Each structure stands twice: as C-alpha cells, then as structure tokens.
C-alpha cells in the first residue's frame, strides 16, 4: 500500500534537458510494472530488457539514459524510446516521493468502503478526489480500499464524513489511521 504522497510527473523525453545524458527526471523514483505488447488479461507484456530498464530506474529515478543503456546493452536513444513507451502505456510512472509530514500533510488513513450495488461509480468518484492517493477494488471484507492523505484530523473527518459517506452507493466505511510507517518500497515491479 502506498503511504507517502506521490507527486506524479511523467517524464517527457522530448523536453529540453541539461546535457545529452540527463535521465528521466531529476529527483524521481519509479513505480510500476513493465510493458511491451499485451500479456494475459490484456495488460502490457514485458520483455527482459524493459524489466532491466525499470530496475535501473527503481534504483535511481535520476539515472541518465546513457548509463541505463550501458547497463542494459542499448543505446541512449533506444532507452529513451523504451522509457517513453512504458510511460505511454501506463506501465510505470516516474514520480517524486515526498514525506507527507514535510509538505504539510499530518494525517493519513486507509479507508475500507462497503458499497451497495455497482462498485465502479464509487471507485471513479474516489479516484477524482485529490486526497485519495490510492484506490483499489478488493475481494476481501471491503469492496474498496482508499488511502487518504490529509492536512489534519479535521480535514480527514471532512473527507470521510461529508464526501466519501455521501457518495451514492456507499453503505459503510472503516478507517485505519496511520500511526507510523515501518516499510515503504517500490522495488516489486521487477521481481
């Protein structure tokens, strides 16, 4: 589960860069899975080279394309093209991960939501909320899980009580307020 604010900015290889070997984004971290054609279930398929590129970016999202190319056996231009394809397919993101406490967000919670009827409209409404960092449909004891990042307890109460519970179809919610982060990793994409 994601428990840090993620400011998403997709890399644009056609944008001006400092020097020819500058990587995807300054100060960036990579999350995601890899992509090539289509795999089972219609998701993007991944070849070994794309996985190796993702692994390089997960180690250092600022790694220059030339260095990645040397590590995976491709030219800088070929790496740039593959990275753009992975971004365009929605297979990965290159993002800056911040500590919420340092940017004014003092309260985080995971909220389990039970829905009456179709889950999709509720999931879509949650996805549109700026406080919702992570929205997932589940097969567990709740229909949806949403990670909420807020400025304080009053903000969290407002989001849950006046916005989430007010959505048509929401039957009940259960909130899990974060007390301390023990582990956060994005390295799962290439295992």
N, C-alpha and C. Protein backbone atom coordinates (compact mmCIF):
# COMPACT_ATOMS: atom_id res chain seq x y z
N UNK A 1 0.83 -1.17 0.00
CA UNK A 1 0.00 0.00 0.00
C UNK A 1 0.88 1.23 0.00
N UNK A 2 0.43 2.25 -0.65
CA UNK A 2 1.22 3.46 -0.73
C UNK A 2 0.93 4.29 0.51
N UNK A 3 1.98 4.75 1.17
CA UNK A 3 1.76 5.54 2.36
C UNK A 3 2.61 6.79 2.35
N UNK A 4 2.91 7.28 1.18
CA UNK A 4 3.58 8.55 1.02
C UNK A 4 2.87 9.31 -0.07
N UNK A 5 2.89 10.65 0.03
CA UNK A 5 2.31 11.46 -1.03
C UNK A 5 3.15 11.25 -2.27
N UNK A 6 2.54 11.07 -3.41
CA UNK A 6 3.27 10.88 -4.64
C UNK A 6 2.87 11.98 -5.61
N UNK A 7 3.82 12.82 -5.97
CA UNK A 7 3.57 13.87 -6.94
C UNK A 7 3.97 13.33 -8.29
N UNK A 8 3.01 12.99 -9.12
CA UNK A 8 3.29 12.30 -10.38
C UNK A 8 3.58 13.31 -11.48
N UNK A 9 4.71 13.14 -12.13
CA UNK A 9 5.08 13.93 -13.29
C UNK A 9 5.71 12.97 -14.28
N UNK A 10 5.02 12.66 -15.35
CA UNK A 10 5.58 11.74 -16.35
C UNK A 10 6.78 12.38 -17.02
N UNK A 11 7.78 11.58 -17.29
CA UNK A 11 8.95 12.07 -18.00
C UNK A 11 8.58 12.36 -19.44
N UNK A 12 9.14 13.40 -19.99
CA UNK A 12 8.92 13.73 -21.39
C UNK A 12 10.27 13.79 -22.07
N UNK A 13 10.66 12.71 -22.75
CA UNK A 13 11.97 12.66 -23.37
C UNK A 13 12.19 13.73 -24.42
N UNK A 14 11.13 14.36 -24.95
CA UNK A 14 11.32 15.39 -25.96
C UNK A 14 11.53 16.76 -25.34
N UNK A 15 11.37 16.87 -24.02
CA UNK A 15 11.55 18.17 -23.38
C UNK A 15 13.03 18.49 -23.26
N UNK A 16 13.37 19.80 -23.16
CA UNK A 16 14.77 20.18 -23.05
C UNK A 16 15.40 19.57 -21.81
N UNK A 17 16.65 19.19 -21.93
CA UNK A 17 17.37 18.57 -20.82
C UNK A 17 18.73 19.23 -20.68
N UNK A 18 19.29 19.07 -19.50
CA UNK A 18 20.65 19.52 -19.26
C UNK A 18 21.59 18.44 -19.75
N UNK A 19 22.22 18.63 -20.87
CA UNK A 19 23.18 17.65 -21.36
C UNK A 19 22.48 16.47 -22.02
N UNK A 20 23.20 15.77 -22.83
CA UNK A 20 22.61 14.68 -23.60
C UNK A 20 22.34 13.44 -22.77
N UNK A 21 22.96 13.33 -21.61
CA UNK A 21 22.79 12.09 -20.86
C UNK A 21 21.94 12.26 -19.62
N UNK A 22 21.18 13.32 -19.53
CA UNK A 22 20.32 13.51 -18.37
C UNK A 22 19.24 12.45 -18.37
N UNK A 23 18.89 11.91 -17.19
CA UNK A 23 17.90 10.85 -17.07
C UNK A 23 16.49 11.37 -17.13
N UNK A 24 15.54 10.51 -16.79
CA UNK A 24 14.12 10.80 -16.97
C UNK A 24 13.61 12.01 -16.21
N UNK A 25 13.94 12.18 -14.94
CA UNK A 25 13.51 13.33 -14.15
C UNK A 25 14.47 13.51 -13.01
N UNK A 26 14.75 14.73 -12.72
CA UNK A 26 15.57 15.00 -11.55
C UNK A 26 14.76 14.67 -10.30
N UNK A 27 15.36 14.01 -9.34
CA UNK A 27 14.71 13.70 -8.07
C UNK A 27 13.57 12.71 -8.19
N UNK A 28 13.62 11.81 -9.12
CA UNK A 28 12.47 10.94 -9.37
C UNK A 28 12.69 9.53 -8.84
N UNK A 29 11.59 8.88 -8.57
CA UNK A 29 11.55 7.47 -8.21
C UNK A 29 10.58 6.80 -9.16
N UNK A 30 10.79 5.54 -9.47
CA UNK A 30 9.93 4.85 -10.42
C UNK A 30 9.08 3.83 -9.70
N UNK A 31 7.79 3.78 -10.06
CA UNK A 31 6.89 2.75 -9.59
C UNK A 31 6.27 2.10 -10.80
N UNK A 32 5.93 0.85 -10.68
CA UNK A 32 5.14 0.25 -11.75
C UNK A 32 5.62 -1.11 -12.18
N UNK A 33 4.97 -1.60 -13.23
CA UNK A 33 5.36 -2.85 -13.85
C UNK A 33 5.80 -2.51 -15.25
N UNK A 34 6.29 -3.46 -15.98
CA UNK A 34 6.86 -3.15 -17.28
C UNK A 34 5.90 -3.44 -18.42
N UNK A 35 6.27 -3.03 -19.64
CA UNK A 35 5.37 -3.26 -20.75
C UNK A 35 6.04 -3.41 -22.09
N UNK A 36 5.44 -4.14 -22.93
CA UNK A 36 5.80 -4.34 -24.32
C UNK A 36 4.49 -4.57 -25.03
N UNK A 37 4.20 -5.67 -25.63
CA UNK A 37 2.91 -5.96 -26.26
C UNK A 37 1.82 -6.10 -25.24
N UNK A 38 1.00 -7.12 -25.38
CA UNK A 38 -0.07 -7.38 -24.41
C UNK A 38 0.10 -8.76 -23.84
N UNK A 39 -0.06 -8.87 -22.52
CA UNK A 39 0.06 -10.15 -21.85
C UNK A 39 -1.31 -10.70 -21.50
N UNK A 40 -1.34 -11.67 -20.59
CA UNK A 40 -2.60 -12.25 -20.15
C UNK A 40 -3.53 -11.18 -19.58
N UNK A 41 -4.80 -11.26 -19.90
CA UNK A 41 -5.77 -10.31 -19.38
C UNK A 41 -5.71 -8.95 -20.04
N UNK A 42 -4.93 -8.80 -21.11
CA UNK A 42 -4.87 -7.52 -21.81
C UNK A 42 -3.88 -6.53 -21.23
N UNK A 43 -3.16 -6.89 -20.16
CA UNK A 43 -2.18 -5.98 -19.59
C UNK A 43 -0.93 -5.98 -20.45
N UNK A 44 -0.17 -4.86 -20.42
CA UNK A 44 1.04 -4.81 -21.23
C UNK A 44 2.01 -5.92 -20.85
N UNK A 45 2.60 -6.58 -21.85
CA UNK A 45 3.60 -7.61 -21.62
C UNK A 45 4.96 -6.94 -21.50
N UNK A 46 5.91 -7.65 -20.91
CA UNK A 46 7.20 -7.07 -20.63
C UNK A 46 8.30 -7.99 -21.11
N UNK A 47 9.28 -7.44 -21.79
CA UNK A 47 10.43 -8.26 -22.13
C UNK A 47 11.54 -8.01 -21.11
N UNK A 48 12.58 -8.82 -21.18
CA UNK A 48 13.66 -8.76 -20.20
C UNK A 48 14.39 -7.41 -20.21
N UNK A 49 14.52 -6.80 -21.38
CA UNK A 49 15.22 -5.52 -21.47
C UNK A 49 14.40 -4.42 -20.80
N UNK A 50 13.09 -4.40 -21.02
CA UNK A 50 12.24 -3.41 -20.36
C UNK A 50 12.28 -3.59 -18.85
N UNK A 51 12.26 -4.83 -18.39
CA UNK A 51 12.39 -5.08 -16.95
C UNK A 51 13.71 -4.56 -16.41
N UNK A 52 14.78 -4.75 -17.16
CA UNK A 52 16.09 -4.27 -16.72
C UNK A 52 16.11 -2.74 -16.66
N UNK A 53 15.46 -2.08 -17.61
CA UNK A 53 15.38 -0.61 -17.59
C UNK A 53 14.60 -0.15 -16.36
N UNK A 54 13.48 -0.79 -16.10
CA UNK A 54 12.68 -0.43 -14.93
C UNK A 54 13.49 -0.62 -13.66
N UNK A 55 14.21 -1.73 -13.58
CA UNK A 55 15.04 -1.99 -12.40
C UNK A 55 16.08 -0.88 -12.22
N UNK A 56 16.69 -0.44 -13.29
CA UNK A 56 17.67 0.65 -13.22
C UNK A 56 17.02 1.93 -12.69
N UNK A 57 15.82 2.24 -13.17
CA UNK A 57 15.12 3.44 -12.73
C UNK A 57 14.62 3.32 -11.30
N UNK A 58 14.27 2.11 -10.87
CA UNK A 58 13.83 1.93 -9.48
C UNK A 58 15.00 2.14 -8.52
N UNK A 59 16.19 1.78 -8.95
CA UNK A 59 17.36 2.02 -8.11
C UNK A 59 17.66 3.51 -8.02
N UNK A 60 17.47 4.24 -9.13
CA UNK A 60 17.73 5.67 -9.17
C UNK A 60 16.92 6.28 -10.31
N UNK A 61 15.83 6.95 -9.97
CA UNK A 61 14.97 7.56 -10.98
C UNK A 61 15.64 8.69 -11.74
N UNK A 62 16.81 9.14 -11.28
CA UNK A 62 17.55 10.21 -11.95
C UNK A 62 18.67 9.67 -12.84
N UNK A 63 18.79 8.37 -12.92
CA UNK A 63 19.87 7.75 -13.68
C UNK A 63 19.79 8.19 -15.14
N UNK A 64 20.89 8.65 -15.71
CA UNK A 64 20.88 9.10 -17.11
C UNK A 64 20.58 7.95 -18.07
N UNK A 65 19.94 8.28 -19.18
CA UNK A 65 19.64 7.28 -20.19
C UNK A 65 20.90 6.59 -20.70
N UNK A 66 21.98 7.33 -20.84
CA UNK A 66 23.23 6.74 -21.32
C UNK A 66 23.74 5.67 -20.36
N UNK A 67 23.65 5.93 -19.05
CA UNK A 67 24.09 4.95 -18.05
C UNK A 67 23.18 3.73 -18.06
N UNK A 68 21.89 3.95 -18.22
CA UNK A 68 20.95 2.83 -18.30
C UNK A 68 21.27 1.99 -19.53
N UNK A 69 21.50 2.67 -20.66
CA UNK A 69 21.83 1.97 -21.90
C UNK A 69 23.06 1.10 -21.75
N UNK A 70 24.08 1.63 -21.10
CA UNK A 70 25.30 0.85 -20.89
C UNK A 70 25.01 -0.39 -20.04
N UNK A 71 24.17 -0.24 -19.02
CA UNK A 71 23.84 -1.35 -18.12
C UNK A 71 23.00 -2.43 -18.79
N UNK A 72 22.13 -2.03 -19.73
CA UNK A 72 21.21 -3.00 -20.34
C UNK A 72 21.57 -3.36 -21.78
N UNK A 73 22.63 -2.75 -22.32
CA UNK A 73 23.08 -3.10 -23.66
C UNK A 73 22.33 -2.43 -24.78
N UNK A 74 21.82 -1.21 -24.56
CA UNK A 74 21.13 -0.45 -25.60
C UNK A 74 21.75 0.93 -25.74
N UNK A 75 21.45 1.61 -26.82
CA UNK A 75 21.88 3.00 -26.99
C UNK A 75 21.02 3.90 -26.11
N UNK A 76 21.52 5.10 -25.89
CA UNK A 76 20.76 6.09 -25.13
C UNK A 76 19.40 6.36 -25.79
N UNK A 77 19.39 6.48 -27.11
CA UNK A 77 18.14 6.75 -27.85
C UNK A 77 17.15 5.60 -27.70
N UNK A 78 17.64 4.37 -27.73
CA UNK A 78 16.76 3.21 -27.58
C UNK A 78 16.16 3.17 -26.18
N UNK A 79 16.95 3.51 -25.17
CA UNK A 79 16.43 3.55 -23.80
C UNK A 79 15.36 4.63 -23.70
N UNK A 80 15.64 5.80 -24.26
CA UNK A 80 14.67 6.91 -24.23
C UNK A 80 13.35 6.47 -24.85
N UNK A 81 13.40 5.78 -25.99
CA UNK A 81 12.18 5.32 -26.66
C UNK A 81 11.44 4.29 -25.81
N UNK A 82 12.16 3.36 -25.22
CA UNK A 82 11.52 2.34 -24.38
C UNK A 82 10.88 2.97 -23.14
N UNK A 83 11.58 3.90 -22.51
CA UNK A 83 11.03 4.57 -21.33
C UNK A 83 9.74 5.30 -21.71
N UNK A 84 9.76 6.01 -22.83
CA UNK A 84 8.55 6.73 -23.25
C UNK A 84 7.40 5.77 -23.52
N UNK A 85 7.70 4.62 -24.13
CA UNK A 85 6.66 3.63 -24.40
C UNK A 85 6.07 3.09 -23.09
N UNK A 86 6.93 2.81 -22.11
CA UNK A 86 6.45 2.33 -20.81
C UNK A 86 5.57 3.37 -20.12
N UNK A 87 5.95 4.63 -20.25
CA UNK A 87 5.14 5.72 -19.68
C UNK A 87 3.82 5.86 -20.42
N UNK A 88 3.87 5.84 -21.75
CA UNK A 88 2.65 5.99 -22.57
C UNK A 88 1.66 4.87 -22.33
N UNK A 89 2.16 3.65 -22.09
CA UNK A 89 1.29 2.51 -21.85
C UNK A 89 0.74 2.48 -20.42
N UNK A 90 1.20 3.40 -19.58
CA UNK A 90 0.74 3.42 -18.19
C UNK A 90 1.33 2.29 -17.37
N UNK A 91 2.41 1.72 -17.85
CA UNK A 91 3.05 0.59 -17.19
C UNK A 91 3.84 1.06 -15.97
N UNK A 92 4.42 2.24 -16.04
CA UNK A 92 5.18 2.79 -14.92
C UNK A 92 4.98 4.29 -14.90
N UNK A 93 5.37 4.86 -13.78
CA UNK A 93 5.40 6.31 -13.60
C UNK A 93 6.77 6.66 -13.06
N UNK A 94 7.23 7.83 -13.40
CA UNK A 94 8.43 8.36 -12.76
C UNK A 94 7.93 9.50 -11.90
N UNK A 95 8.11 9.36 -10.58
CA UNK A 95 7.49 10.30 -9.65
C UNK A 95 8.49 10.74 -8.58
N UNK A 96 8.19 11.86 -7.96
CA UNK A 96 8.93 12.32 -6.78
C UNK A 96 8.13 11.90 -5.57
N UNK A 97 8.71 11.12 -4.69
CA UNK A 97 8.03 10.66 -3.48
C UNK A 97 8.45 11.55 -2.32
N UNK A 98 7.47 12.12 -1.65
CA UNK A 98 7.77 13.02 -0.54
C UNK A 98 7.31 12.41 0.78
N UNK A 99 7.84 12.92 1.85
CA UNK A 99 7.37 12.59 3.18
C UNK A 99 6.22 13.55 3.47
N UNK A 100 5.00 13.06 3.66
CA UNK A 100 3.84 13.94 3.85
C UNK A 100 4.03 14.96 4.97
N UNK A 101 4.71 14.58 6.03
CA UNK A 101 4.91 15.49 7.15
C UNK A 101 5.71 16.73 6.76
N UNK A 102 6.61 16.59 5.81
CA UNK A 102 7.44 17.73 5.41
C UNK A 102 6.74 18.67 4.45
N UNK A 103 5.61 18.26 3.88
CA UNK A 103 4.89 19.11 2.94
C UNK A 103 3.49 19.46 3.43
N UNK A 104 3.27 19.38 4.75
CA UNK A 104 2.02 19.87 5.34
C UNK A 104 0.89 18.88 5.49
N UNK A 105 1.13 17.58 5.29
CA UNK A 105 0.08 16.58 5.45
C UNK A 105 0.38 15.75 6.69
N UNK A 106 -0.39 15.99 7.75
CA UNK A 106 -0.10 15.35 9.03
C UNK A 106 -0.99 14.14 9.33
N UNK A 107 -1.92 13.82 8.45
CA UNK A 107 -2.80 12.68 8.73
C UNK A 107 -2.99 11.84 7.48
N UNK A 108 -2.78 10.53 7.63
CA UNK A 108 -3.02 9.57 6.56
C UNK A 108 -3.87 8.44 7.13
N UNK A 109 -4.70 7.88 6.27
CA UNK A 109 -5.53 6.75 6.70
C UNK A 109 -5.87 5.90 5.49
N UNK A 110 -6.05 4.62 5.76
CA UNK A 110 -6.61 3.70 4.76
C UNK A 110 -8.08 3.54 5.15
N UNK A 111 -8.97 3.70 4.20
CA UNK A 111 -10.39 3.61 4.47
C UNK A 111 -10.97 2.44 3.68
N UNK A 112 -11.57 1.49 4.40
CA UNK A 112 -12.29 0.39 3.78
C UNK A 112 -13.71 0.83 3.53
N UNK A 113 -14.22 0.60 2.33
CA UNK A 113 -15.55 1.07 1.96
C UNK A 113 -16.39 -0.09 1.47
N UNK A 114 -17.60 -0.21 2.02
CA UNK A 114 -18.57 -1.21 1.58
C UNK A 114 -19.60 -0.51 0.70
N UNK A 115 -19.90 -1.11 -0.44
CA UNK A 115 -20.75 -0.47 -1.44
C UNK A 115 -21.98 -1.32 -1.70
N UNK A 116 -23.10 -0.67 -1.85
CA UNK A 116 -24.37 -1.31 -2.26
C UNK A 116 -24.47 -1.17 -3.77
N UNK A 117 -24.52 -2.27 -4.49
CA UNK A 117 -24.64 -2.22 -5.95
C UNK A 117 -23.29 -2.13 -6.64
N UNK A 118 -23.27 -1.43 -7.76
CA UNK A 118 -22.09 -1.33 -8.62
C UNK A 118 -20.97 -0.55 -7.94
N UNK A 119 -19.78 -1.14 -7.90
CA UNK A 119 -18.63 -0.53 -7.23
C UNK A 119 -17.96 0.52 -8.12
N UNK A 120 -18.03 0.37 -9.43
CA UNK A 120 -17.31 1.26 -10.35
C UNK A 120 -17.60 2.75 -10.16
N UNK A 121 -18.86 3.19 -10.06
CA UNK A 121 -19.10 4.63 -9.91
C UNK A 121 -18.49 5.19 -8.62
N UNK A 122 -18.51 4.40 -7.55
CA UNK A 122 -17.92 4.85 -6.29
C UNK A 122 -16.40 4.93 -6.44
N UNK A 123 -15.80 3.92 -7.06
CA UNK A 123 -14.35 3.94 -7.30
C UNK A 123 -13.96 5.13 -8.16
N UNK A 124 -14.75 5.43 -9.18
CA UNK A 124 -14.46 6.58 -10.05
C UNK A 124 -14.54 7.89 -9.27
N UNK A 125 -15.54 8.02 -8.41
CA UNK A 125 -15.68 9.24 -7.61
C UNK A 125 -14.51 9.40 -6.65
N UNK A 126 -14.09 8.30 -6.03
CA UNK A 126 -12.94 8.35 -5.12
C UNK A 126 -11.67 8.73 -5.87
N UNK A 127 -11.49 8.16 -7.05
CA UNK A 127 -10.31 8.45 -7.86
C UNK A 127 -10.21 9.93 -8.17
N UNK A 128 -11.33 10.60 -8.31
CA UNK A 128 -11.35 12.03 -8.64
C UNK A 128 -11.02 12.92 -7.44
N UNK A 129 -11.04 12.38 -6.23
CA UNK A 129 -10.75 13.18 -5.03
C UNK A 129 -9.25 13.41 -4.91
N UNK A 130 -8.82 14.65 -4.76
CA UNK A 130 -7.38 14.91 -4.65
C UNK A 130 -6.73 14.28 -3.42
N UNK A 131 -7.49 14.04 -2.39
CA UNK A 131 -6.94 13.43 -1.16
C UNK A 131 -6.73 11.93 -1.30
N UNK A 132 -7.35 11.32 -2.30
CA UNK A 132 -7.24 9.87 -2.50
C UNK A 132 -5.96 9.57 -3.25
N UNK A 133 -5.03 8.96 -2.55
CA UNK A 133 -3.73 8.63 -3.12
C UNK A 133 -3.73 7.28 -3.81
N UNK A 134 -4.60 6.40 -3.35
CA UNK A 134 -4.56 5.01 -3.78
C UNK A 134 -5.98 4.48 -3.68
N UNK A 135 -6.52 3.96 -4.77
CA UNK A 135 -7.88 3.41 -4.78
C UNK A 135 -7.80 2.02 -5.42
N UNK A 136 -8.33 1.02 -4.71
CA UNK A 136 -8.28 -0.34 -5.23
C UNK A 136 -9.58 -1.07 -4.91
N UNK A 137 -10.08 -1.82 -5.90
CA UNK A 137 -11.23 -2.70 -5.67
C UNK A 137 -10.69 -4.00 -5.08
N UNK A 138 -11.38 -4.54 -4.10
CA UNK A 138 -10.87 -5.73 -3.43
C UNK A 138 -11.90 -6.86 -3.42
N UNK A 139 -11.44 -8.05 -3.10
CA UNK A 139 -12.31 -9.20 -2.94
C UNK A 139 -12.34 -9.61 -1.47
N UNK A 140 -11.94 -8.71 -0.59
CA UNK A 140 -11.87 -9.01 0.83
C UNK A 140 -13.10 -8.56 1.58
N UNK A 141 -12.91 -8.15 2.81
CA UNK A 141 -14.04 -7.76 3.66
C UNK A 141 -14.61 -6.40 3.29
N UNK A 142 -13.91 -5.63 2.46
CA UNK A 142 -14.42 -4.35 1.96
C UNK A 142 -14.40 -4.40 0.43
N UNK A 143 -15.30 -3.65 -0.17
CA UNK A 143 -15.35 -3.58 -1.63
C UNK A 143 -14.23 -2.73 -2.20
N UNK A 144 -13.86 -1.68 -1.47
CA UNK A 144 -12.83 -0.74 -1.91
C UNK A 144 -11.92 -0.40 -0.76
N UNK A 145 -10.66 -0.14 -1.08
CA UNK A 145 -9.73 0.46 -0.13
C UNK A 145 -9.23 1.74 -0.76
N UNK A 146 -9.20 2.81 0.02
CA UNK A 146 -8.69 4.09 -0.47
C UNK A 146 -7.75 4.67 0.57
N UNK A 147 -6.56 5.06 0.12
CA UNK A 147 -5.62 5.73 1.01
C UNK A 147 -5.87 7.23 0.90
N UNK A 148 -6.06 7.85 2.04
CA UNK A 148 -6.37 9.28 2.11
C UNK A 148 -5.19 9.99 2.75
N UNK A 149 -4.76 11.09 2.16
CA UNK A 149 -3.69 11.93 2.71
C UNK A 149 -4.30 13.30 2.96
N UNK A 150 -4.27 13.75 4.24
CA UNK A 150 -4.94 14.99 4.63
C UNK A 150 -4.01 15.89 5.44
N UNK A 151 -4.42 17.14 5.57
CA UNK A 151 -3.64 18.11 6.33
C UNK A 151 -3.70 17.85 7.82
N UNK A 152 -4.86 17.42 8.32
CA UNK A 152 -5.03 17.20 9.75
C UNK A 152 -6.28 16.34 9.98
N UNK A 153 -6.61 16.11 11.25
CA UNK A 153 -7.77 15.27 11.58
C UNK A 153 -9.09 15.88 11.09
N UNK A 154 -9.23 17.20 11.18
CA UNK A 154 -10.46 17.83 10.71
C UNK A 154 -10.65 17.62 9.21
N UNK A 155 -9.57 17.74 8.47
CA UNK A 155 -9.62 17.51 7.03
C UNK A 155 -10.01 16.06 6.75
N UNK A 156 -9.40 15.11 7.46
CA UNK A 156 -9.73 13.69 7.29
C UNK A 156 -11.20 13.43 7.60
N UNK A 157 -11.69 13.99 8.69
CA UNK A 157 -13.10 13.84 9.06
C UNK A 157 -14.01 14.37 7.98
N UNK A 158 -13.67 15.53 7.43
CA UNK A 158 -14.48 16.12 6.36
C UNK A 158 -14.52 15.21 5.13
N UNK A 159 -13.36 14.68 4.74
CA UNK A 159 -13.30 13.81 3.56
C UNK A 159 -14.14 12.56 3.77
N UNK A 160 -13.99 11.92 4.94
CA UNK A 160 -14.72 10.67 5.18
C UNK A 160 -16.21 10.93 5.39
N UNK A 161 -16.52 11.86 6.28
CA UNK A 161 -17.91 12.06 6.69
C UNK A 161 -18.76 12.77 5.65
N UNK A 162 -18.23 13.81 5.03
CA UNK A 162 -19.04 14.63 4.14
C UNK A 162 -18.88 14.29 2.66
N UNK A 163 -17.79 13.63 2.30
CA UNK A 163 -17.57 13.36 0.88
C UNK A 163 -17.66 11.87 0.54
N UNK A 164 -16.94 11.03 1.28
CA UNK A 164 -16.99 9.60 0.96
C UNK A 164 -18.33 9.00 1.35
N UNK A 165 -18.77 9.22 2.58
CA UNK A 165 -20.04 8.63 3.04
C UNK A 165 -21.25 9.21 2.30
N UNK A 166 -21.08 10.37 1.68
CA UNK A 166 -22.18 11.00 0.94
C UNK A 166 -22.31 10.46 -0.48
N UNK A 167 -21.34 9.66 -0.93
CA UNK A 167 -21.42 9.12 -2.29
C UNK A 167 -22.56 8.12 -2.41
N UNK A 168 -23.35 8.21 -3.48
CA UNK A 168 -24.42 7.22 -3.69
C UNK A 168 -23.83 5.82 -3.77
N UNK A 169 -24.42 4.89 -3.03
CA UNK A 169 -23.98 3.51 -3.02
C UNK A 169 -23.08 3.15 -1.85
N UNK A 170 -22.50 4.14 -1.17
CA UNK A 170 -21.63 3.83 -0.03
C UNK A 170 -22.50 3.41 1.15
N UNK A 171 -22.29 2.18 1.61
CA UNK A 171 -23.07 1.63 2.72
C UNK A 171 -22.38 1.88 4.06
N UNK A 172 -21.05 1.68 4.12
CA UNK A 172 -20.32 1.91 5.37
C UNK A 172 -18.84 2.10 5.08
N UNK A 173 -18.13 2.65 6.06
CA UNK A 173 -16.69 2.84 5.95
C UNK A 173 -16.02 2.36 7.24
N UNK A 174 -14.75 1.97 7.12
CA UNK A 174 -13.93 1.64 8.28
C UNK A 174 -12.58 2.29 8.05
N UNK A 175 -12.15 3.11 9.00
CA UNK A 175 -10.91 3.87 8.83
C UNK A 175 -9.78 3.29 9.65
N UNK A 176 -8.60 3.26 9.03
CA UNK A 176 -7.38 2.79 9.67
C UNK A 176 -6.38 3.95 9.61
N UNK A 177 -6.27 4.71 10.71
CA UNK A 177 -5.39 5.88 10.75
C UNK A 177 -3.95 5.41 10.93
N UNK A 178 -3.05 5.94 10.12
CA UNK A 178 -1.64 5.56 10.18
C UNK A 178 -0.98 6.21 11.39
N UNK A 179 -0.26 5.42 12.15
CA UNK A 179 0.50 5.94 13.29
C UNK A 179 1.99 6.06 12.97
N UNK A 180 2.53 5.06 12.26
CA UNK A 180 3.95 5.08 11.93
C UNK A 180 4.21 4.19 10.72
N UNK A 181 5.02 4.68 9.81
CA UNK A 181 5.40 3.91 8.63
C UNK A 181 6.60 3.04 8.97
N UNK A 182 6.48 1.73 8.76
CA UNK A 182 7.58 0.81 9.05
C UNK A 182 8.31 0.36 7.79
N UNK A 183 7.62 0.29 6.66
CA UNK A 183 8.28 -0.11 5.42
C UNK A 183 7.56 0.50 4.24
N UNK A 184 8.35 0.98 3.27
CA UNK A 184 7.82 1.53 2.03
C UNK A 184 8.81 1.16 0.94
N UNK A 185 8.36 0.45 -0.07
CA UNK A 185 9.26 0.08 -1.17
C UNK A 185 8.49 0.07 -2.48
N UNK A 186 9.19 0.36 -3.55
CA UNK A 186 8.60 0.29 -4.89
C UNK A 186 9.38 -0.65 -5.77
N UNK A 187 10.15 -1.55 -5.20
CA UNK A 187 11.01 -2.44 -5.96
C UNK A 187 10.29 -3.70 -6.47
N UNK A 188 9.03 -3.86 -6.19
CA UNK A 188 8.32 -5.07 -6.57
C UNK A 188 8.10 -5.20 -8.06
N UNK A 189 8.25 -4.14 -8.82
CA UNK A 189 7.91 -4.16 -10.24
C UNK A 189 8.72 -5.10 -11.09
N UNK A 190 9.91 -5.52 -10.64
CA UNK A 190 10.73 -6.38 -11.48
C UNK A 190 11.03 -7.72 -10.84
N UNK A 191 10.35 -8.05 -9.77
CA UNK A 191 10.57 -9.37 -9.14
C UNK A 191 9.98 -10.45 -9.98
